[in-house]
PDB file of N, CA and C in Angstrom:
ATOM      1  N   ILE A   1      -1.165 -95.304  90.338  1.00  0.00           N
ATOM      2  CA  ILE A   1      -2.496 -95.801  89.880  1.00  0.00           C
ATOM      3  C   ILE A   1      -2.320 -95.983  88.249  1.00  0.00           C
ATOM      4  N   VAL A   2      -1.474 -94.667  87.717  1.00  0.00           N
ATOM      5  CA  VAL A   2      -1.743 -94.752  86.153  1.00  0.00           C
ATOM      6  C   VAL A   2      -0.627 -95.937  85.743  1.00  0.00           C
ATOM      7  N   SER A   3       0.627 -96.619  86.450  1.00  0.00           N
ATOM      8  CA  SER A   3       1.172 -97.568  86.235  1.00  0.00           C
ATOM      9  C   SER A   3       0.302 -98.481  86.190  1.00  0.00           C
ATOM     10  N   VAL A   4      -0.346 -99.191  87.280  1.00  0.00           N
ATOM     11  CA  VAL A   4      -1.130-100.073  87.197  1.00  0.00           C
ATOM     12  C   VAL A   4      -2.414-100.299  86.190  1.00  0.00           C
ATOM     13  N   LEU A   5      -2.728 -99.032  85.839  1.00  0.00           N
ATOM     14  CA  LEU A   5      -3.823 -99.126  84.858  1.00  0.00           C
ATOM     15  C   LEU A   5      -3.126 -99.234  83.734  1.00  0.00           C
ATOM     16  N   GLY A   6      -1.860 -99.028  83.376  1.00  0.00           N
ATOM     17  CA  GLY A   6      -1.086 -99.144  81.976  1.00  0.00           C
ATOM     18  C   GLY A   6      -0.788-100.589  82.092  1.00  0.00           C
ATOM     19  N   THR A   7      -0.358-101.090  83.202  1.00  0.00           N
ATOM     20  CA  THR A   7      -0.112-102.641  83.249  1.00  0.00           C
ATOM     21  C   THR A   7      -1.024-103.449  83.047  1.00  0.00           C
ATOM     22  N   LEU A   8      -2.331-102.943  83.371  1.00  0.00           N
ATOM     23  CA  LEU A   8      -3.661-103.663  82.975  1.00  0.00           C
ATOM     24  C   LEU A   8      -3.808-103.668  81.582  1.00  0.00           C
ATOM     25  N   ASN A   9      -3.694-102.625  81.040  1.00  0.00           N
ATOM     26  CA  ASN A   9      -4.323-102.280  79.659  1.00  0.00           C
ATOM     27  C   ASN A   9      -3.298-103.317  78.590  1.00  0.00           C
ATOM     28  N   PHE A  10      -2.215-103.382  78.977  1.00  0.00           N
ATOM     29  CA  PHE A  10      -0.842-104.043  78.434  1.00  0.00           C
ATOM     30  C   PHE A  10      -1.288-105.629  78.369  1.00  0.00           C
ATOM     31  N   SER A  11      -1.574-106.082  79.607  1.00  0.00           N
ATOM     32  CA  SER A  11      -1.941-107.449  80.012  1.00  0.00           C
ATOM     33  C   SER A  11      -3.109-108.000  79.004  1.00  0.00           C
ATOM     34  N   LEU A  12      -4.319-107.045  79.099  1.00  0.00           N
ATOM     35  CA  LEU A  12      -5.396-107.310  78.248  1.00  0.00           C
ATOM     36  C   LEU A  12      -4.827-107.159  76.777  1.00  0.00           C
ATOM     37  N   PHE A  13      -4.049-106.383  76.250  1.00  0.00           N
ATOM     38  CA  PHE A  13      -3.803-106.129  74.764  1.00  0.00           C
ATOM     39  C   PHE A  13      -3.078-107.654  74.761  1.00  0.00           C
ATOM     40  N   VAL A  14      -2.078-108.129  75.294  1.00  0.00           N
ATOM     41  CA  VAL A  14      -1.437-109.400  75.030  1.00  0.00           C
ATOM     42  C   VAL A  14      -2.444-110.573  75.117  1.00  0.00           C
ATOM     43  N   PHE A  15      -3.175-110.648  75.949  1.00  0.00           N
ATOM     44  CA  PHE A  15      -4.222-111.683  76.108  1.00  0.00           C
ATOM     45  C   PHE A  15      -5.106-111.761  75.017  1.00  0.00           C
ATOM     46  N   ASN A  16      -5.406-110.700  74.479  1.00  0.00           N
ATOM     47  CA  ASN A  16      -6.389-110.518  73.409  1.00  0.00           C
ATOM     48  C   ASN A  16      -5.616-110.935  72.049  1.00  0.00           C
ATOM     49  N   LEU A  17      -4.408-111.224  72.039  1.00  0.00           N
ATOM     50  CA  LEU A  17      -3.591-111.643  70.940  1.00  0.00           C
ATOM     51  C   LEU A  17      -3.467-113.006  70.744  1.00  0.00           C
ATOM     52  N   ILE A  18      -3.971-113.834  71.633  1.00  0.00           N
ATOM     53  CA  ILE A  18      -3.973-115.164  71.892  1.00  0.00           C
ATOM     54  C   ILE A  18      -4.614-115.664  70.574  1.00  0.00           C
ATOM     55  N   PRO A  19      -4.123-116.535  69.783  1.00  0.00           N
ATOM     56  CA  PRO A  19      -4.875-116.916  68.362  1.00  0.00           C
ATOM     57  C   PRO A  19      -5.926-117.714  68.817  1.00  0.00           C
ATOM     58  N   LEU A  20      -6.811-117.611  69.429  1.00  0.00           N
ATOM     59  CA  LEU A  20      -8.160-118.153  69.498  1.00  0.00           C
ATOM     60  C   LEU A  20      -9.371-117.318  69.094  1.00  0.00           C
ATOM     61  N   LEU A  21     -10.156-118.060  68.346  1.00  0.00           N
ATOM     62  CA  LEU A  21     -11.270-117.442  67.431  1.00  0.00           C
ATOM     63  C   LEU A  21     -12.028-116.258  68.193  1.00  0.00           C
ATOM     64  N   PRO A  22     -12.425-116.378  69.138  1.00  0.00           N
ATOM     65  CA  PRO A  22     -13.597-115.441  69.843  1.00  0.00           C
ATOM     66  C   PRO A  22     -12.284-114.282  70.223  1.00  0.00           C
ATOM     67  N   LEU A  23     -10.922-114.193  70.215  1.00  0.00           N
ATOM     68  CA  LEU A  23     -10.249-113.018  70.441  1.00  0.00           C
ATOM     69  C   LEU A  23      -9.729-112.540  68.987  1.00  0.00           C
ATOM     70  N   ASP A  24      -9.310-111.303  69.224  1.00  0.00           N
ATOM     71  CA  ASP A  24      -9.016-110.722  67.940  1.00  0.00           C
ATOM     72  C   ASP A  24      -7.438-111.538  67.513  1.00  0.00           C
ATOM     73  N   GLY A  25      -6.740-112.058  68.080  1.00  0.00           N
ATOM     74  CA  GLY A  25      -5.745-113.089  67.648  1.00  0.00           C
ATOM     75  C   GLY A  25      -6.435-114.289  66.665  1.00  0.00           C
ATOM     76  N   GLY A  26      -7.515-114.665  66.807  1.00  0.00           N
ATOM     77  CA  GLY A  26      -8.044-115.769  66.082  1.00  0.00           C
ATOM     78  C   GLY A  26      -8.287-115.205  64.560  1.00  0.00           C
ATOM     79  N   HIS A  27      -8.788-113.913  64.722  1.00  0.00           N
ATOM     80  CA  HIS A  27      -8.933-113.350  63.401  1.00  0.00           C
ATOM     81  C   HIS A  27      -7.809-112.933  62.569  1.00  0.00           C
ATOM     82  N   ALA A  28      -6.764-112.636  63.386  1.00  0.00           N
ATOM     83  CA  ALA A  28      -5.469-112.285  62.780  1.00  0.00           C
ATOM     84  C   ALA A  28      -4.839-113.808  62.156  1.00  0.00           C
ATOM     85  N   ALA A  29      -4.965-114.812  63.200  1.00  0.00           N
ATOM     86  CA  ALA A  29      -4.561-115.948  62.586  1.00  0.00           C
ATOM     87  C   ALA A  29      -5.179-116.660  61.381  1.00  0.00           C
ATOM     88  N   GLY A  30      -6.516-116.152  61.357  1.00  0.00           N
ATOM     89  CA  GLY A  30      -7.377-116.649  60.133  1.00  0.00           C
ATOM     90  C   GLY A  30      -6.777-115.849  59.210  1.00  0.00           C
ATOM     91  N   ALA A  31      -6.464-114.677  59.195  1.00  0.00           N
ATOM     92  CA  ALA A  31      -5.860-113.771  57.812  1.00  0.00           C
ATOM     93  C   ALA A  31      -4.650-114.269  57.637  1.00  0.00           C
ATOM     94  N   LEU A  32      -3.566-114.692  58.274  1.00  0.00           N
ATOM     95  CA  LEU A  32      -2.356-115.307  58.205  1.00  0.00           C
ATOM     96  C   LEU A  32      -2.576-116.441  57.603  1.00  0.00           C
ATOM     97  N   TRP A  33      -3.418-117.299  58.066  1.00  0.00           N
ATOM     98  CA  TRP A  33      -3.449-118.427  57.100  1.00  0.00           C
ATOM     99  C   TRP A  33      -4.019-118.578  55.731  1.00  0.00           C
ATOM    100  N   GLU A  34      -4.764-117.591  55.557  1.00  0.00           N
ATOM    101  CA  GLU A  34      -5.401-117.106  54.045  1.00  0.00           C
ATOM    102  C   GLU A  34      -4.023-116.604  53.338  1.00  0.00           C
ATOM    103  N   GLY A  35      -3.190-115.962  53.949  1.00  0.00           N
ATOM    104  CA  GLY A  35      -1.970-115.356  53.140  1.00  0.00           C
ATOM    105  C   GLY A  35      -1.257-116.564  53.101  1.00  0.00           C
ATOM    106  N   ILE A  36      -0.971-117.270  53.824  1.00  0.00           N
ATOM    107  CA  ILE A  36      -0.059-118.303  53.758  1.00  0.00           C
ATOM    108  C   ILE A  36      -0.518-119.360  52.751  1.00  0.00           C
ATOM    109  N   ARG A  37      -1.909-119.622  52.675  1.00  0.00           N
ATOM    110  CA  ARG A  37      -2.756-120.555  51.394  1.00  0.00           C
ATOM    111  C   ARG A  37      -2.157-119.614  49.895  1.00  0.00           C
ATOM    112  N   ARG A  38      -2.652-118.656  50.132  1.00  0.00           N
ATOM    113  CA  ARG A  38      -2.265-117.681  48.646  1.00  0.00           C
ATOM    114  C   ARG A  38      -0.777-117.654  48.216  1.00  0.00           C
ATOM    115  N   LEU A  39      -0.010-117.399  49.411  1.00  0.00           N
ATOM    116  CA  LEU A  39       1.566-117.431  48.953  1.00  0.00           C
ATOM    117  C   LEU A  39       1.878-118.982  48.360  1.00  0.00           C
ATOM    118  N   TRP A  40       1.489-120.390  48.853  1.00  0.00           N
ATOM    119  CA  TRP A  40       1.889-121.441  48.794  1.00  0.00           C
ATOM    120  C   TRP A  40       1.000-121.642  47.182  1.00  0.00           C
ATOM    121  N   ALA A  41       0.079-121.123  46.850  1.00  0.00           N
ATOM    122  CA  ALA A  41      -0.436-121.422  45.687  1.00  0.00           C
ATOM    123  C   ALA A  41       0.230-120.559  44.678  1.00  0.00           C
ATOM    124  N   ARG A  42       0.384-119.388  44.832  1.00  0.00           N
ATOM    125  CA  ARG A  42       1.508-118.524  43.767  1.00  0.00           C
ATOM    126  C   ARG A  42       2.793-119.409  43.665  1.00  0.00           C
ATOM    127  N   LEU A  43       3.352-119.884  44.761  1.00  0.00           N
ATOM    128  CA  LEU A  43       4.646-120.572  44.407  1.00  0.00           C
ATOM    129  C   LEU A  43       4.533-121.881  43.863  1.00  0.00           C
ATOM    130  N   ARG A  44       3.297-122.441  43.647  1.00  0.00           N
ATOM    131  CA  ARG A  44       3.291-123.720  43.182  1.00  0.00           C
ATOM    132  C   ARG A  44       2.642-123.338  41.636  1.00  0.00           C
ATOM    133  N   ARG A  45       2.246-122.156  41.576  1.00  0.00           N
ATOM    134  CA  ARG A  45       1.901-121.601  40.156  1.00  0.00           C
ATOM    135  C   ARG A  45       0.300-122.381  40.030  1.00  0.00           C
ATOM    136  N   ARG A  46      -0.444-122.000  40.780  1.00  0.00           N
ATOM    137  CA  ARG A  46      -1.824-122.657  40.903  1.00  0.00           C
ATOM    138  C   ARG A  46      -2.790-121.389  41.240  1.00  0.00           C
ATOM    139  N   ALA A  47      -4.260-121.813  40.926  1.00  0.00           N
ATOM    140  CA  ALA A  47      -5.074-120.783  41.099  1.00  0.00           C
ATOM    141  C   ALA A  47      -5.431-120.375  42.509  1.00  0.00           C
ATOM    142  N   ASP A  48      -5.893-119.089  42.597  1.00  0.00           N
ATOM    143  CA  ASP A  48      -5.853-118.639  44.121  1.00  0.00           C
ATOM    144  C   ASP A  48      -6.919-119.324  44.800  1.00  0.00           C
ATOM    145  N   PRO A  49      -6.536-119.980  46.074  1.00  0.00           N
ATOM    146  CA  PRO A  49      -7.566-121.014  46.719  1.00  0.00           C
ATOM    147  C   PRO A  49      -8.905-120.105  47.221  1.00  0.00           C
ATOM    148  N   GLY A  50      -8.670-118.692  47.196  1.00  0.00           N
ATOM    149  CA  GLY A  50     -10.007-117.992  47.884  1.00  0.00           C
ATOM    150  C   GLY A  50      -9.836-117.857  49.266  1.00  0.00           C
ATOM    151  N   HIS A  51     -10.855-117.155  49.631  1.00  0.00           N
ATOM    152  CA  HIS A  51     -10.930-116.551  51.020  1.00  0.00           C
ATOM    153  C   HIS A  51     -11.107-117.661  52.045  1.00  0.00           C
ATOM    154  N   PHE A  52     -10.636-117.300  53.205  1.00  0.00           N
ATOM    155  CA  PHE A  52     -10.727-118.418  54.263  1.00  0.00           C
ATOM    156  C   PHE A  52     -12.137-118.069  55.126  1.00  0.00           C
ATOM    157  N   ASP A  53     -12.809-119.204  55.164  1.00  0.00           N
ATOM    158  CA  ASP A  53     -14.021-118.907  55.794  1.00  0.00           C
ATOM    159  C   ASP A  53     -14.032-119.370  57.328  1.00  0.00           C
ATOM    160  N   PRO A  54     -14.097-118.342  58.155  1.00  0.00           N
ATOM    161  CA  PRO A  54     -13.944-118.641  59.715  1.00  0.00           C
ATOM    162  C   PRO A  54     -15.245-119.175  60.277  1.00  0.00           C
ATOM    163  N   ILE A  55     -16.109-119.057  59.466  1.00  0.00           N
ATOM    164  CA  ILE A  55     -17.634-119.686  60.102  1.00  0.00           C
ATOM    165  C   ILE A  55     -17.249-121.138  60.204  1.00  0.00           C
ATOM    166  N   ARG A  56     -16.510-121.661  59.573  1.00  0.00           N
ATOM    167  CA  ARG A  56     -16.456-123.320  59.811  1.00  0.00           C
ATOM    168  C   ARG A  56     -15.598-123.241  61.195  1.00  0.00           C
ATOM    169  N   LEU A  57     -15.176-122.430  61.620  1.00  0.00           N
ATOM    170  CA  LEU A  57     -14.501-122.511  62.872  1.00  0.00           C
ATOM    171  C   LEU A  57     -15.423-122.440  64.213  1.00  0.00           C
ATOM    172  N   LEU A  58     -16.605-121.945  64.144  1.00  0.00           N
ATOM    173  CA  LEU A  58     -17.561-121.638  65.095  1.00  0.00           C
ATOM    174  C   LEU A  58     -17.446-122.750  65.920  1.00  0.00           C
ATOM    175  N   PRO A  59     -17.623-123.908  65.755  1.00  0.00           N
ATOM    176  CA  PRO A  59     -17.600-124.902  66.749  1.00  0.00           C
ATOM    177  C   PRO A  59     -16.611-124.865  67.670  1.00  0.00           C
ATOM    178  N   LEU A  60     -15.225-124.407  67.224  1.00  0.00           N
ATOM    179  CA  LEU A  60     -14.060-124.339  68.070  1.00  0.00           C
ATOM    180  C   LEU A  60     -14.377-123.046  68.848  1.00  0.00           C
ATOM    181  N   THR A  61     -14.916-122.115  68.190  1.00  0.00           N
ATOM    182  CA  THR A  61     -14.968-120.870  69.037  1.00  0.00           C
ATOM    183  C   THR A  61     -16.088-121.081  70.253  1.00  0.00           C
ATOM    184  N   TYR A  62     -17.127-121.899  69.951  1.00  0.00           N
ATOM    185  CA  TYR A  62     -18.139-122.186  71.192  1.00  0.00           C
ATOM    186  C   TYR A  62     -17.266-123.035  72.489  1.00  0.00           C
ATOM    187  N   VAL A  63     -16.456-123.811  71.931  1.00  0.00           N
ATOM    188  CA  VAL A  63     -15.700-124.537  72.902  1.00  0.00           C
ATOM    189  C   VAL A  63     -14.737-123.604  73.713  1.00  0.00           C
ATOM    190  N   VAL A  64     -14.320-122.660  73.072  1.00  0.00           N
ATOM    191  CA  VAL A  64     -13.355-121.546  73.679  1.00  0.00           C
ATOM    192  C   VAL A  64     -13.935-120.776  74.701  1.00  0.00           C
ATOM    193  N   ALA A  65     -15.078-119.997  74.219  1.00  0.00           N
ATOM    194  CA  ALA A  65     -15.915-119.466  74.874  1.00  0.00           C
ATOM    195  C   ALA A  65     -16.608-120.234  76.106  1.00  0.00           C
ATOM    196  N   VAL A  66     -17.040-121.334  76.116  1.00  0.00           N
ATOM    197  CA  VAL A  66     -17.403-122.053  77.281  1.00  0.00           C
ATOM    198  C   VAL A  66     -16.282-122.505  78.299  1.00  0.00           C
ATOM    199  N   ALA A  67     -15.082-122.502  77.593  1.00  0.00           N
ATOM    200  CA  ALA A  67     -14.001-122.711  78.537  1.00  0.00           C
ATOM    201  C   ALA A  67     -13.765-121.593  79.333  1.00  0.00           C
ATOM    202  N   PHE A  68     -13.607-120.516  78.416  1.00  0.00           N
ATOM    203  CA  PHE A  68     -13.287-118.821  79.384  1.00  0.00           C
ATOM    204  C   PHE A  68     -14.657-118.702  80.169  1.00  0.00           C
ATOM    205  N   MET A  69     -15.597-119.116  80.109  1.00  0.00           N
ATOM    206  CA  MET A  69     -16.870-118.920  80.961  1.00  0.00           C
ATOM    207  C   MET A  69     -16.683-119.881  82.394  1.00  0.00           C
ATOM    208  N   GLY A  70     -16.314-121.158  82.209  1.00  0.00           N
ATOM    209  CA  GLY A  70     -16.122-121.902  83.122  1.00  0.00           C
ATOM    210  C   GLY A  70     -15.051-121.528  84.095  1.00  0.00           C
ATOM    211  N   MET A  71     -13.676-121.105  83.372  1.00  0.00           N
ATOM    212  CA  MET A  71     -12.702-120.585  84.182  1.00  0.00           C
ATOM    213  C   MET A  71     -13.184-119.516  85.045  1.00  0.00           C
ATOM    214  N   SER A  72     -13.908-118.562  84.421  1.00  0.00           N
ATOM    215  CA  SER A  72     -14.357-117.349  84.969  1.00  0.00           C
ATOM    216  C   SER A  72     -15.249-117.737  86.510  1.00  0.00           C
ATOM    217  N   VAL A  73     -16.006-118.681  86.126  1.00  0.00           N
ATOM    218  CA  VAL A  73     -17.004-119.208  87.079  1.00  0.00           C
ATOM    219  C   VAL A  73     -16.037-119.703  88.469  1.00  0.00           C
ATOM    220  N   LEU A  74     -15.203-120.420  87.806  1.00  0.00           N
ATOM    221  CA  LEU A  74     -14.143-121.108  88.930  1.00  0.00           C
ATOM    222  C   LEU A  74     -13.345-120.249  89.937  1.00  0.00           C
ATOM    223  N   LEU A  75     -13.051-119.223  88.606  1.00  0.00           N
ATOM    224  CA  LEU A  75     -11.976-118.328  89.667  1.00  0.00           C
ATOM    225  C   LEU A  75     -12.755-117.220  90.517  1.00  0.00           C
ATOM    226  N   ILE A  76     -14.279-116.907  90.208  1.00  0.00           N
ATOM    227  CA  ILE A  76     -14.610-115.991  91.106  1.00  0.00           C
ATOM    228  C   ILE A  76     -15.338-116.889  92.359  1.00  0.00           C
ATOM    229  N   ALA A  77     -15.706-118.168  92.079  1.00  0.00           N
ATOM    230  CA  ALA A  77     -16.021-118.992  93.093  1.00  0.00           C
ATOM    231  C   ALA A  77     -14.751-119.108  94.072  1.00  0.00           C
ATOM    232  N   ALA A  78     -13.429-119.454  93.454  1.00  0.00           N
ATOM    233  CA  ALA A  78     -12.049-119.387  94.282  1.00  0.00           C
ATOM    234  C   ALA A  78     -11.997-118.080  95.160  1.00  0.00           C
ATOM    235  N   ASP A  79     -12.319-116.837  94.618  1.00  0.00           N
ATOM    236  CA  ASP A  79     -12.315-115.666  95.364  1.00  0.00           C
ATOM    237  C   ASP A  79     -13.364-115.481  96.537  1.00  0.00           C
ATOM    238  N   ILE A  80     -14.785-116.181  96.368  1.00  0.00           N
ATOM    239  CA  ILE A  80     -15.459-116.112  97.253  1.00  0.00           C
ATOM    240  C   ILE A  80     -15.406-116.905  98.366  1.00  0.00           C
ATOM    241  N   PHE A  81     -15.241-118.213  97.907  1.00  0.00           N
ATOM    242  CA  PHE A  81     -14.999-119.376  99.082  1.00  0.00           C
ATOM    243  C   PHE A  81     -13.623-119.663  99.004  1.00  0.00           C
ATOM    244  N   ASP A  82     -12.732-119.286 100.179  1.00  0.00           N
ATOM    245  CA  ASP A  82     -11.323-119.494  99.826  1.00  0.00           C
ATOM    246  C   ASP A  82     -11.067-121.100 100.331  1.00  0.00           C
ATOM    247  N   PRO A  83     -10.681-121.510  98.947  1.00  0.00           N
ATOM    248  CA  PRO A  83     -10.304-123.031  98.806  1.00  0.00           C
ATOM    249  C   PRO A  83      -9.314-123.653  99.792  1.00  0.00           C
ATOM    250  N   VAL A  84      -8.268-122.782 100.197  1.00  0.00           N
ATOM    251  CA  VAL A  84      -7.270-123.250 100.970  1.00  0.00           C
ATOM    252  C   VAL A  84      -7.797-123.497 102.596  1.00  0.00           C
ATOM    253  N   LYS A  85      -8.711-122.757 102.851  1.00  0.00           N
ATOM    254  CA  LYS A  85      -9.263-122.891 104.223  1.00  0.00           C
ATOM    255  C   LYS A  85     -10.494-124.001 104.372  1.00  0.00           C
ATOM    256  N   ILE A  86     -11.052-124.302 103.177  1.00  0.00           N
ATOM    257  CA  ILE A  86     -12.086-125.526 102.906  1.00  0.00           C
ATOM    258  C   ILE A  86     -10.994-126.757 102.991  1.00  0.00           C
ATOM    259  N   PHE A  87     -10.015-126.887 102.437  1.00  0.00           N
ATOM    260  CA  PHE A  87      -9.357-128.212 102.802  1.00  0.00           C
ATOM    261  C   PHE A  87      -8.341-128.348 103.728  1.00  0.00           C
TER     262      PHE A  87
END
């Protein structure tokens, strides 16, 4: 049981690192993008471009959240109604 729980925990950790904004990986990707922009500006001897505004990506966040909900509904329905026996 401990092995199964450990595997589940690790799988959720890896899934959470996917670079989509509702997940933690999306926030890490935004921070990396801000660092790349600052490094690029520093190499070109320009002013600091400022902070990255993740609020501008909220429409993408909504799309990803709706896709996750749709996949959840589809998978729950596939568990309840066995699609192999239906067809």
